[in-house]
């Protein structure tokens, strides 16, 4: 049976703070563990008022210490922003502290705009394949340099992507592959085909292993779910305009002045989102699973109120378990 997991963005809401967002992510990890989800990931984003997970390794350490059985990790670490040795030492330390529960999801994008990428001091994706091989070598001992902690402390490594490029690379290196369907649905089928057709067994993985991340919001009624999803739809529009913001309340989002072109853009951006009551969401997730034959579905849930986010996760988990 396909596993169910959760992606959390440490959402900073309208009128909220980073401290509140991180506290809610911590509580969400406990919710995910309580409902039997397999793992929770946090994503590296920079310069976004609505996302407080800019330091995944720090946050993962806290989440792992706040749970007991849940796998926790990065979804992902944006490798062009970091020296591979530093990431190996950070996640080697995490694996030493929480053996068998740490995931290292790796991405190729900078996770921000070009100006912020320059401020990070690296941000060069051209060396990504070599950097990725170097990173893995620190864990496996293939590198002549010692990562301490790191060597012999291998977290579960995933390659993340939204294109066929990352899919092909994951296959060639024999890594698990997670596709970002929640924000880049167009390349889903081509990327999974590229991954599976290019897969070569490695010291990390014997056969292909896939995950698909989907934007999901569930409520007792479809009407309520659509209402609660309004702020997330608007935030995607503002992000594409280069105007990222905190996540607004549904009432604020509903009153926001948008043009017909804006509405069409929001519709296009959210076509892949699965929003509705438990039956609607389960149908959507089942169709996605049948389409992809994925080994795991990771849901990303954004709503202004934490209570609504937690309720959504519980409803989805309950529907998934009973399917």
C-alpha atoms as a PDB file:
ATOM      1  CA  UNK A   1       0.000   0.000   0.000  1.00  0.00           C
ATOM      2  CA  UNK A   2       1.262   3.477  -0.870  1.00  0.00           C
ATOM      3  CA  UNK A   3       2.472   5.521   2.087  1.00  0.00           C
ATOM      4  CA  UNK A   4       1.009   8.903   3.078  1.00  0.00           C
ATOM      5  CA  UNK A   5       3.253  11.739   4.271  1.00  0.00           C
ATOM      6  CA  UNK A   6       3.157  15.485   4.875  1.00  0.00           C
ATOM      7  CA  UNK A   7       5.049  18.541   3.603  1.00  0.00           C
ATOM      8  CA  UNK A   8       4.897  21.533   5.942  1.00  0.00           C
ATOM      9  CA  UNK A   9       6.041  25.036   4.981  1.00  0.00           C
ATOM     10  CA  UNK A  10       6.035  26.561   8.490  1.00  0.00           C
ATOM     11  CA  UNK A  11       3.357  28.952   7.248  1.00  0.00           C
ATOM     12  CA  UNK A  12       3.436  32.496   8.613  1.00  0.00           C
ATOM     13  CA  UNK A  13      -0.108  33.825   8.561  1.00  0.00           C
ATOM     14  CA  UNK A  14      -1.464  37.341   8.266  1.00  0.00           C
ATOM     15  CA  UNK A  15      -0.916  38.931  11.681  1.00  0.00           C
ATOM     16  CA  UNK A  16       1.237  36.006  12.824  1.00  0.00           C
ATOM     17  CA  UNK A  17       4.930  35.553  13.598  1.00  0.00           C
ATOM     18  CA  UNK A  18       7.730  33.158  12.719  1.00  0.00           C
ATOM     19  CA  UNK A  19       7.669  31.850  16.291  1.00  0.00           C
ATOM     20  CA  UNK A  20       3.993  30.987  15.925  1.00  0.00           C
ATOM     21  CA  UNK A  21       4.608  29.317  12.561  1.00  0.00           C
ATOM     22  CA  UNK A  22       7.414  27.138  13.919  1.00  0.00           C
ATOM     23  CA  UNK A  23       5.381  26.185  16.981  1.00  0.00           C
ATOM     24  CA  UNK A  24       2.525  25.143  14.679  1.00  0.00           C
ATOM     25  CA  UNK A  25       4.873  23.086  12.516  1.00  0.00           C
ATOM     26  CA  UNK A  26       6.051  21.313  15.656  1.00  0.00           C
ATOM     27  CA  UNK A  27       2.469  20.562  16.639  1.00  0.00           C
ATOM     28  CA  UNK A  28       1.716  19.447  13.071  1.00  0.00           C
ATOM     29  CA  UNK A  29       4.538  16.912  13.307  1.00  0.00           C
ATOM     30  CA  UNK A  30       2.836  15.472  16.380  1.00  0.00           C
ATOM     31  CA  UNK A  31      -0.477  15.361  14.504  1.00  0.00           C
ATOM     32  CA  UNK A  32       1.173  13.587  11.563  1.00  0.00           C
ATOM     33  CA  UNK A  33       2.704  11.046  13.916  1.00  0.00           C
ATOM     34  CA  UNK A  34      -0.592  10.554  15.733  1.00  0.00           C
ATOM     35  CA  UNK A  35      -2.516   9.765  12.527  1.00  0.00           C
ATOM     36  CA  UNK A  36       0.131   7.341  11.309  1.00  0.00           C
ATOM     37  CA  UNK A  37       1.792   9.318   8.525  1.00  0.00           C
ATOM     38  CA  UNK A  38       5.165   8.017   7.389  1.00  0.00           C
ATOM     39  CA  UNK A  39       7.223  11.216   7.324  1.00  0.00           C
ATOM     40  CA  UNK A  40       7.102  15.005   7.520  1.00  0.00           C
ATOM     41  CA  UNK A  41       9.356  17.246   5.463  1.00  0.00           C
ATOM     42  CA  UNK A  42      10.106  20.956   5.685  1.00  0.00           C
ATOM     43  CA  UNK A  43      11.280  22.979   2.709  1.00  0.00           C
ATOM     44  CA  UNK A  44      14.113  25.483   2.322  1.00  0.00           C
ATOM     45  CA  UNK A  45      12.772  28.835   1.153  1.00  0.00           C
ATOM     46  CA  UNK A  46      14.392  32.233   1.568  1.00  0.00           C
ATOM     47  CA  UNK A  47      13.071  35.791   1.537  1.00  0.00           C
ATOM     48  CA  UNK A  48       9.402  34.739   1.712  1.00  0.00           C
ATOM     49  CA  UNK A  49       7.300  36.456   4.394  1.00  0.00           C
ATOM     50  CA  UNK A  50       4.902  33.515   4.541  1.00  0.00           C
ATOM     51  CA  UNK A  51       7.465  30.716   5.014  1.00  0.00           C
ATOM     52  CA  UNK A  52       9.580  30.277   8.168  1.00  0.00           C
ATOM     53  CA  UNK A  53      11.481  27.098   7.217  1.00  0.00           C
ATOM     54  CA  UNK A  54      14.623  28.754   5.846  1.00  0.00           C
ATOM     55  CA  UNK A  55      16.892  26.519   7.980  1.00  0.00           C
ATOM     56  CA  UNK A  56      15.658  22.939   7.492  1.00  0.00           C
ATOM     57  CA  UNK A  57      18.499  21.235   9.378  1.00  0.00           C
ATOM     58  CA  UNK A  58      17.807  23.293  12.508  1.00  0.00           C
ATOM     59  CA  UNK A  59      14.067  22.698  12.253  1.00  0.00           C
ATOM     60  CA  UNK A  60      14.469  18.976  11.547  1.00  0.00           C
ATOM     61  CA  UNK A  61      16.532  18.611  14.728  1.00  0.00           C
ATOM     62  CA  UNK A  62      13.732  20.194  16.734  1.00  0.00           C
ATOM     63  CA  UNK A  63      10.999  18.149  15.053  1.00  0.00           C
ATOM     64  CA  UNK A  64      12.858  14.880  15.552  1.00  0.00           C
ATOM     65  CA  UNK A  65      13.297  15.693  19.247  1.00  0.00           C
ATOM     66  CA  UNK A  66       9.574  16.512  19.500  1.00  0.00           C
ATOM     67  CA  UNK A  67       8.387  13.183  18.038  1.00  0.00           C
ATOM     68  CA  UNK A  68       9.262   9.527  18.546  1.00  0.00           C
ATOM     69  CA  UNK A  69       8.432   7.431  15.452  1.00  0.00           C
ATOM     70  CA  UNK A  70       7.802   9.882  12.607  1.00  0.00           C
ATOM     71  CA  UNK A  71      10.500  10.217   9.955  1.00  0.00           C
ATOM     72  CA  UNK A  72      11.478  13.875   9.544  1.00  0.00           C
ATOM     73  CA  UNK A  73      13.601  15.585   6.948  1.00  0.00           C
ATOM     74  CA  UNK A  74      14.126  18.206   4.299  1.00  0.00           C
ATOM     75  CA  UNK A  75      11.937  18.588   1.273  1.00  0.00           C
ATOM     76  CA  UNK A  76      14.344  19.860   0.434  1.00  0.00           C
ATOM     77  CA  UNK A  77      17.758  21.265   1.071  1.00  0.00           C
ATOM     78  CA  UNK A  78      18.632  23.443  -1.932  1.00  0.00           C
ATOM     79  CA  UNK A  79      22.125  22.126  -2.586  1.00  0.00           C
ATOM     80  CA  UNK A  80      23.354  25.047  -4.763  1.00  0.00           C
ATOM     81  CA  UNK A  81      23.100  27.226  -1.646  1.00  0.00           C
ATOM     82  CA  UNK A  82      25.481  25.096   0.426  1.00  0.00           C
ATOM     83  CA  UNK A  83      28.846  23.365   0.515  1.00  0.00           C
ATOM     84  CA  UNK A  84      28.173  19.596   0.264  1.00  0.00           C
ATOM     85  CA  UNK A  85      30.493  18.868   3.212  1.00  0.00           C
ATOM     86  CA  UNK A  86      28.458  21.160   5.479  1.00  0.00           C
ATOM     87  CA  UNK A  87      25.208  19.388   4.557  1.00  0.00           C
ATOM     88  CA  UNK A  88      26.846  15.990   5.116  1.00  0.00           C
ATOM     89  CA  UNK A  89      27.988  17.060   8.587  1.00  0.00           C
ATOM     90  CA  UNK A  90      24.610  18.543   9.484  1.00  0.00           C
ATOM     91  CA  UNK A  91      22.568  15.528   8.397  1.00  0.00           C
ATOM     92  CA  UNK A  92      25.196  13.104   9.648  1.00  0.00           C
ATOM     93  CA  UNK A  93      24.749  14.720  13.054  1.00  0.00           C
ATOM     94  CA  UNK A  94      20.970  14.409  12.757  1.00  0.00           C
ATOM     95  CA  UNK A  95      21.244  10.742  11.774  1.00  0.00           C
ATOM     96  CA  UNK A  96      23.580  10.084  14.700  1.00  0.00           C
ATOM     97  CA  UNK A  97      21.096  11.686  17.082  1.00  0.00           C
ATOM     98  CA  UNK A  98      17.943  10.133  15.597  1.00  0.00           C
ATOM     99  CA  UNK A  99      19.138   6.994  13.817  1.00  0.00           C
ATOM    100  CA  UNK A 100      16.757   5.631  11.221  1.00  0.00           C
ATOM    101  CA  UNK A 101      14.390   8.622  11.261  1.00  0.00           C
ATOM    102  CA  UNK A 102      16.170  11.281   9.165  1.00  0.00           C
ATOM    103  CA  UNK A 103      15.546  12.076   5.489  1.00  0.00           C
ATOM    104  CA  UNK A 104      17.699  14.277   3.281  1.00  0.00           C
ATOM    105  CA  UNK A 105      15.674  15.525   0.335  1.00  0.00           C
ATOM    106  CA  UNK A 106      17.833  17.481  -2.111  1.00  0.00           C
ATOM    107  CA  UNK A 107      16.730  20.117  -4.633  1.00  0.00           C
ATOM    108  CA  UNK A 108      18.481  21.964  -7.461  1.00  0.00           C
ATOM    109  CA  UNK A 109      16.675  25.337  -7.369  1.00  0.00           C
ATOM    110  CA  UNK A 110      17.870  28.145  -5.076  1.00  0.00           C
ATOM    111  CA  UNK A 111      14.508  28.273  -3.300  1.00  0.00           C
ATOM    112  CA  UNK A 112      14.201  32.024  -3.738  1.00  0.00           C
ATOM    113  CA  UNK A 113      14.640  34.922  -6.169  1.00  0.00           C
ATOM    114  CA  UNK A 114      17.949  35.638  -7.896  1.00  0.00           C
ATOM    115  CA  UNK A 115      18.795  38.604  -5.653  1.00  0.00           C
ATOM    116  CA  UNK A 116      18.448  36.513  -2.493  1.00  0.00           C
ATOM    117  CA  UNK A 117      20.330  33.652  -4.138  1.00  0.00           C
ATOM    118  CA  UNK A 118      23.266  36.003  -4.649  1.00  0.00           C
ATOM    119  CA  UNK A 119      23.036  37.062  -1.001  1.00  0.00           C
ATOM    120  CA  UNK A 120      23.331  33.399  -0.014  1.00  0.00           C
ATOM    121  CA  UNK A 121      26.773  33.419  -1.623  1.00  0.00           C
ATOM    122  CA  UNK A 122      26.488  30.327  -3.839  1.00  0.00           C
ATOM    123  CA  UNK A 123      23.407  29.582  -5.926  1.00  0.00           C
ATOM    124  CA  UNK A 124      25.188  27.987  -8.926  1.00  0.00           C
ATOM    125  CA  UNK A 125      23.134  25.030 -10.157  1.00  0.00           C
ATOM    126  CA  UNK A 126      25.578  24.209 -12.978  1.00  0.00           C
ATOM    127  CA  UNK A 127      27.685  22.043 -10.667  1.00  0.00           C
ATOM    128  CA  UNK A 128      24.664  20.328  -9.110  1.00  0.00           C
ATOM    129  CA  UNK A 129      25.344  16.763 -10.374  1.00  0.00           C
ATOM    130  CA  UNK A 130      28.957  16.873  -9.180  1.00  0.00           C
ATOM    131  CA  UNK A 131      27.933  18.430  -5.851  1.00  0.00           C
ATOM    132  CA  UNK A 132      25.316  15.720  -5.349  1.00  0.00           C
ATOM    133  CA  UNK A 133      27.820  12.922  -6.013  1.00  0.00           C
ATOM    134  CA  UNK A 134      30.263  14.639  -3.652  1.00  0.00           C
ATOM    135  CA  UNK A 135      27.598  14.861  -0.951  1.00  0.00           C
ATOM    136  CA  UNK A 136      26.684  11.186  -1.193  1.00  0.00           C
ATOM    137  CA  UNK A 137      30.377  10.280  -1.089  1.00  0.00           C
ATOM    138  CA  UNK A 138      30.774  11.883   2.332  1.00  0.00           C
ATOM    139  CA  UNK A 139      28.144   9.509   3.735  1.00  0.00           C
ATOM    140  CA  UNK A 140      29.278   6.344   1.955  1.00  0.00           C
ATOM    141  CA  UNK A 141      33.012   6.836   2.453  1.00  0.00           C
ATOM    142  CA  UNK A 142      33.696   7.248  -1.260  1.00  0.00           C
ATOM    143  CA  UNK A 143      35.140  10.699  -0.552  1.00  0.00           C
ATOM    144  CA  UNK A 144      38.774  11.001   0.513  1.00  0.00           C
ATOM    145  CA  UNK A 145      37.682  13.680   2.977  1.00  0.00           C
ATOM    146  CA  UNK A 146      36.085  12.780   6.309  1.00  0.00           C
ATOM    147  CA  UNK A 147      32.648  14.122   7.202  1.00  0.00           C
ATOM    148  CA  UNK A 148      32.404  13.696  10.954  1.00  0.00           C
ATOM    149  CA  UNK A 149      29.622  13.029  11.799  1.00  0.00           C
ATOM    150  CA  UNK A 150      28.594  11.850   8.357  1.00  0.00           C
ATOM    151  CA  UNK A 151      30.607   8.895   7.138  1.00  0.00           C
ATOM    152  CA  UNK A 152      28.655   5.718   7.800  1.00  0.00           C
ATOM    153  CA  UNK A 153      25.615   7.714   8.972  1.00  0.00           C
ATOM    154  CA  UNK A 154      23.479   7.645   5.842  1.00  0.00           C
ATOM    155  CA  UNK A 155      20.089   9.386   6.057  1.00  0.00           C
ATOM    156  CA  UNK A 156      17.428   8.410   3.542  1.00  0.00           C
ATOM    157  CA  UNK A 157      18.436  10.503   0.515  1.00  0.00           C
ATOM    158  CA  UNK A 158      15.841  11.648  -2.031  1.00  0.00           C
ATOM    159  CA  UNK A 159      16.249  13.777  -5.118  1.00  0.00           C
ATOM    160  CA  UNK A 160      13.437  16.289  -5.564  1.00  0.00           C
ATOM    161  CA  UNK A 161      12.379  17.764  -8.873  1.00  0.00           C
ATOM    162  CA  UNK A 162       9.743  19.359 -11.067  1.00  0.00           C
ATOM    163  CA  UNK A 163      11.256  18.460 -14.436  1.00  0.00           C
ATOM    164  CA  UNK A 164      12.703  15.584 -16.434  1.00  0.00           C
ATOM    165  CA  UNK A 165      16.247  16.816 -15.682  1.00  0.00           C
ATOM    166  CA  UNK A 166      16.124  15.910 -11.983  1.00  0.00           C
ATOM    167  CA  UNK A 167      14.160  12.758 -12.796  1.00  0.00           C
ATOM    168  CA  UNK A 168      16.850  11.506 -15.183  1.00  0.00           C
ATOM    169  CA  UNK A 169      19.614  12.362 -12.718  1.00  0.00           C
ATOM    170  CA  UNK A 170      17.836  10.562  -9.868  1.00  0.00           C
ATOM    171  CA  UNK A 171      17.469   7.490 -12.065  1.00  0.00           C
ATOM    172  CA  UNK A 172      21.083   7.499 -13.205  1.00  0.00           C
ATOM    173  CA  UNK A 173      22.353   7.847  -9.628  1.00  0.00           C
ATOM    174  CA  UNK A 174      19.950   5.238  -8.257  1.00  0.00           C
ATOM    175  CA  UNK A 175      18.195   7.583  -5.816  1.00  0.00           C
ATOM    176  CA  UNK A 176      14.533   7.777  -4.780  1.00  0.00           C
ATOM    177  CA  UNK A 177      12.712  10.537  -6.679  1.00  0.00           C
ATOM    178  CA  UNK A 178      10.028  12.927  -5.417  1.00  0.00           C
ATOM    179  CA  UNK A 179       8.078  14.978  -7.975  1.00  0.00           C
ATOM    180  CA  UNK A 180       6.638  18.406  -7.089  1.00  0.00           C
ATOM    181  CA  UNK A 181       3.181  17.945  -8.576  1.00  0.00           C
ATOM    182  CA  UNK A 182       1.814  20.526  -6.126  1.00  0.00           C
ATOM    183  CA  UNK A 183       3.359  23.423  -8.029  1.00  0.00           C
ATOM    184  CA  UNK A 184       4.533  21.983 -11.355  1.00  0.00           C
ATOM    185  CA  UNK A 185       1.985  19.444 -12.606  1.00  0.00           C
ATOM    186  CA  UNK A 186       2.737  19.665 -16.322  1.00  0.00           C
ATOM    187  CA  UNK A 187       5.811  17.423 -16.356  1.00  0.00           C
ATOM    188  CA  UNK A 188       4.535  14.708 -14.014  1.00  0.00           C
ATOM    189  CA  UNK A 189       4.130  11.832 -16.464  1.00  0.00           C
ATOM    190  CA  UNK A 190       7.251  12.633 -18.478  1.00  0.00           C
ATOM    191  CA  UNK A 191       9.359  12.980 -15.334  1.00  0.00           C
ATOM    192  CA  UNK A 192       8.281   9.659 -13.834  1.00  0.00           C
ATOM    193  CA  UNK A 193       8.864   7.928 -17.177  1.00  0.00           C
ATOM    194  CA  UNK A 194      12.330   9.493 -17.433  1.00  0.00           C
ATOM    195  CA  UNK A 195      13.163   8.404 -13.889  1.00  0.00           C
ATOM    196  CA  UNK A 196      12.054   4.812 -14.288  1.00  0.00           C
ATOM    197  CA  UNK A 197      13.587   4.335 -17.741  1.00  0.00           C
ATOM    198  CA  UNK A 198      16.957   5.749 -16.613  1.00  0.00           C
ATOM    199  CA  UNK A 199      17.098   4.003 -13.256  1.00  0.00           C
ATOM    200  CA  UNK A 200      20.265   2.143 -12.333  1.00  0.00           C
ATOM    201  CA  UNK A 201      20.584   0.211  -9.092  1.00  0.00           C
ATOM    202  CA  UNK A 202      23.015   1.761  -6.620  1.00  0.00           C
ATOM    203  CA  UNK A 203      24.386   1.318  -3.129  1.00  0.00           C
ATOM    204  CA  UNK A 204      21.437   3.435  -1.985  1.00  0.00           C
ATOM    205  CA  UNK A 205      18.558   1.755  -3.842  1.00  0.00           C
ATOM    206  CA  UNK A 206      17.932  -1.522  -5.693  1.00  0.00           C
ATOM    207  CA  UNK A 207      14.853  -0.517  -7.707  1.00  0.00           C
ATOM    208  CA  UNK A 208      12.935   2.685  -8.527  1.00  0.00           C
ATOM    209  CA  UNK A 209      11.098   4.409  -5.700  1.00  0.00           C
ATOM    210  CA  UNK A 210       8.800   7.360  -6.304  1.00  0.00           C
ATOM    211  CA  UNK A 211       6.896   9.966  -4.338  1.00  0.00           C
ATOM    212  CA  UNK A 212       4.435  12.564  -5.627  1.00  0.00           C
ATOM    213  CA  UNK A 213       3.735  15.745  -3.652  1.00  0.00           C
ATOM    214  CA  UNK A 214       0.204  17.154  -4.008  1.00  0.00           C
ATOM    215  CA  UNK A 215      -1.552  20.259  -2.672  1.00  0.00           C
ATOM    216  CA  UNK A 216      -4.515  19.029  -0.623  1.00  0.00           C
ATOM    217  CA  UNK A 217      -7.087  20.754   1.552  1.00  0.00           C
ATOM    218  CA  UNK A 218      -9.925  18.797   3.137  1.00  0.00           C
ATOM    219  CA  UNK A 219     -12.913  19.968   5.181  1.00  0.00           C
ATOM    220  CA  UNK A 220     -16.224  18.387   6.205  1.00  0.00           C
ATOM    221  CA  UNK A 221     -17.865  19.978   3.149  1.00  0.00           C
ATOM    222  CA  UNK A 222     -16.451  20.832  -0.256  1.00  0.00           C
ATOM    223  CA  UNK A 223     -17.862  24.347   0.019  1.00  0.00           C
ATOM    224  CA  UNK A 224     -15.885  25.011   3.200  1.00  0.00           C
ATOM    225  CA  UNK A 225     -12.721  23.505   1.720  1.00  0.00           C
ATOM    226  CA  UNK A 226     -12.944  25.793  -1.326  1.00  0.00           C
ATOM    227  CA  UNK A 227     -13.419  28.809   0.966  1.00  0.00           C
ATOM    228  CA  UNK A 228     -10.420  27.869   3.098  1.00  0.00           C
ATOM    229  CA  UNK A 229      -8.275  27.333  -0.020  1.00  0.00           C
ATOM    230  CA  UNK A 230      -8.795  30.934  -1.194  1.00  0.00           C
ATOM    231  CA  UNK A 231      -5.736  32.378   0.579  1.00  0.00           C
ATOM    232  CA  UNK A 232      -3.418  29.712  -0.855  1.00  0.00           C
ATOM    233  CA  UNK A 233      -4.687  30.386  -4.385  1.00  0.00           C
ATOM    234  CA  UNK A 234      -4.111  34.114  -3.953  1.00  0.00           C
ATOM    235  CA  UNK A 235      -0.652  33.595  -2.446  1.00  0.00           C
ATOM    236  CA  UNK A 236       0.384  31.649  -5.557  1.00  0.00           C
ATOM    237  CA  UNK A 237      -0.726  34.539  -7.754  1.00  0.00           C
ATOM    238  CA  UNK A 238       1.196  37.064  -5.667  1.00  0.00           C
ATOM    239  CA  UNK A 239       4.285  34.854  -5.662  1.00  0.00           C
ATOM    240  CA  UNK A 240       4.221  34.643  -9.461  1.00  0.00           C
ATOM    241  CA  UNK A 241       4.004  38.430  -9.540  1.00  0.00           C
ATOM    242  CA  UNK A 242       7.105  38.655  -7.348  1.00  0.00           C
ATOM    243  CA  UNK A 243       5.042  39.861  -4.374  1.00  0.00           C
ATOM    244  CA  UNK A 244       5.202  37.040  -1.798  1.00  0.00           C
ATOM    245  CA  UNK A 245       3.175  37.667   1.339  1.00  0.00           C
ATOM    246  CA  UNK A 246       2.058  36.085   4.576  1.00  0.00           C
ATOM    247  CA  UNK A 247      -0.931  33.773   4.199  1.00  0.00           C
ATOM    248  CA  UNK A 248      -4.060  35.862   4.435  1.00  0.00           C
ATOM    249  CA  UNK A 249      -7.295  35.034   6.206  1.00  0.00           C
ATOM    250  CA  UNK A 250     -10.043  33.735   3.883  1.00  0.00           C
ATOM    251  CA  UNK A 251     -12.022  36.936   4.369  1.00  0.00           C
ATOM    252  CA  UNK A 252      -9.030  39.055   3.334  1.00  0.00           C
ATOM    253  CA  UNK A 253      -8.376  36.909   0.290  1.00  0.00           C
ATOM    254  CA  UNK A 254     -12.043  37.028  -0.761  1.00  0.00           C
ATOM    255  CA  UNK A 255     -12.032  40.832  -0.581  1.00  0.00           C
ATOM    256  CA  UNK A 256      -8.786  41.177  -2.571  1.00  0.00           C
ATOM    257  CA  UNK A 257      -9.298  42.961  -5.874  1.00  0.00           C
ATOM    258  CA  UNK A 258      -8.327  40.696  -8.762  1.00  0.00           C
ATOM    259  CA  UNK A 259      -8.871  41.014 -12.500  1.00  0.00           C
ATOM    260  CA  UNK A 260     -10.387  38.401 -14.769  1.00  0.00           C
ATOM    261  CA  UNK A 261      -6.865  37.615 -15.965  1.00  0.00           C
ATOM    262  CA  UNK A 262      -5.813  37.130 -12.322  1.00  0.00           C
ATOM    263  CA  UNK A 263      -8.674  34.702 -11.762  1.00  0.00           C
ATOM    264  CA  UNK A 264      -7.720  32.728 -14.833  1.00  0.00           C
ATOM    265  CA  UNK A 265      -4.113  32.579 -13.633  1.00  0.00           C
ATOM    266  CA  UNK A 266      -5.204  31.342 -10.202  1.00  0.00           C
ATOM    267  CA  UNK A 267      -7.371  28.697 -11.848  1.00  0.00           C
ATOM    268  CA  UNK A 268      -4.455  27.493 -13.969  1.00  0.00           C
ATOM    269  CA  UNK A 269      -2.085  27.468 -10.992  1.00  0.00           C
ATOM    270  CA  UNK A 270      -4.460  25.421  -8.843  1.00  0.00           C
ATOM    271  CA  UNK A 271      -5.781  22.933 -11.411  1.00  0.00           C
ATOM    272  CA  UNK A 272      -3.793  20.127  -9.818  1.00  0.00           C
ATOM    273  CA  UNK A 273      -4.900  20.976  -6.263  1.00  0.00           C
ATOM    274  CA  UNK A 274      -7.185  18.494  -4.537  1.00  0.00           C
ATOM    275  CA  UNK A 275      -9.752  20.429  -2.518  1.00  0.00           C
ATOM    276  CA  UNK A 276     -12.985  19.126  -1.072  1.00  0.00           C
ATOM    277  CA  UNK A 277     -14.696  16.907   1.451  1.00  0.00           C
ATOM    278  CA  UNK A 278     -13.102  13.561   2.407  1.00  0.00           C
ATOM    279  CA  UNK A 279     -14.761  11.671  -0.459  1.00  0.00           C
ATOM    280  CA  UNK A 280     -13.642  14.229  -3.046  1.00  0.00           C
ATOM    281  CA  UNK A 281     -10.092  14.283  -1.688  1.00  0.00           C
ATOM    282  CA  UNK A 282      -9.848  10.512  -1.543  1.00  0.00           C
ATOM    283  CA  UNK A 283     -11.048  10.257  -5.148  1.00  0.00           C
ATOM    284  CA  UNK A 284      -8.428  12.794  -6.194  1.00  0.00           C
ATOM    285  CA  UNK A 285      -5.595  11.086  -4.364  1.00  0.00           C
ATOM    286  CA  UNK A 286      -6.665   7.665  -5.630  1.00  0.00           C
ATOM    287  CA  UNK A 287      -6.706   8.935  -9.215  1.00  0.00           C
ATOM    288  CA  UNK A 288      -3.240  10.432  -8.734  1.00  0.00           C
ATOM    289  CA  UNK A 289      -1.957   7.161  -7.321  1.00  0.00           C
ATOM    290  CA  UNK A 290      -3.447   5.139 -10.186  1.00  0.00           C
ATOM    291  CA  UNK A 291      -1.955   7.575 -12.703  1.00  0.00           C
ATOM    292  CA  UNK A 292       1.551   7.470 -11.232  1.00  0.00           C
ATOM    293  CA  UNK A 293       1.908   4.114  -9.436  1.00  0.00           C
ATOM    294  CA  UNK A 294       3.818   6.115  -6.825  1.00  0.00           C
ATOM    295  CA  UNK A 295       5.147   4.408  -3.724  1.00  0.00           C
ATOM    296  CA  UNK A 296       4.185   7.403  -1.612  1.00  0.00           C
ATOM    297  CA  UNK A 297       1.937  10.465  -1.692  1.00  0.00           C
ATOM    298  CA  UNK A 298       3.053  13.560   0.218  1.00  0.00           C
ATOM    299  CA  UNK A 299       0.354  16.146   0.855  1.00  0.00           C
ATOM    300  CA  UNK A 300       0.977  19.860   1.291  1.00  0.00           C
ATOM    301  CA  UNK A 301      -1.782  21.638   3.221  1.00  0.00           C
ATOM    302  CA  UNK A 302      -1.969  25.400   3.644  1.00  0.00           C
ATOM    303  CA  UNK A 303      -4.776  27.168   5.489  1.00  0.00           C
ATOM    304  CA  UNK A 304      -4.824  30.321   7.571  1.00  0.00           C
ATOM    305  CA  UNK A 305      -5.903  28.705  10.839  1.00  0.00           C
ATOM    306  CA  UNK A 306      -3.834  25.902  12.304  1.00  0.00           C
ATOM    307  CA  UNK A 307      -6.999  24.169  13.496  1.00  0.00           C
ATOM    308  CA  UNK A 308      -8.191  23.911   9.897  1.00  0.00           C
ATOM    309  CA  UNK A 309      -4.806  22.593   8.748  1.00  0.00           C
ATOM    310  CA  UNK A 310      -4.723  19.958  11.464  1.00  0.00           C
ATOM    311  CA  UNK A 311      -8.336  18.953  10.793  1.00  0.00           C
ATOM    312  CA  UNK A 312      -7.552  18.594   7.103  1.00  0.00           C
ATOM    313  CA  UNK A 313      -4.589  16.323   7.802  1.00  0.00           C
ATOM    314  CA  UNK A 314      -6.667  14.166  10.139  1.00  0.00           C
ATOM    315  CA  UNK A 315      -9.530  13.880   7.650  1.00  0.00           C
ATOM    316  CA  UNK A 316      -7.190  12.918   4.810  1.00  0.00           C
ATOM    317  CA  UNK A 317      -5.372  10.347   6.926  1.00  0.00           C
ATOM    318  CA  UNK A 318      -8.671   8.827   8.061  1.00  0.00           C
ATOM    319  CA  UNK A 319      -9.993   8.623   4.494  1.00  0.00           C
ATOM    320  CA  UNK A 320      -6.689   7.172   3.248  1.00  0.00           C
ATOM    321  CA  UNK A 321      -6.629   4.492   5.937  1.00  0.00           C
ATOM    322  CA  UNK A 322     -10.182   3.433   5.126  1.00  0.00           C
ATOM    323  CA  UNK A 323      -9.899   3.270   1.358  1.00  0.00           C
END
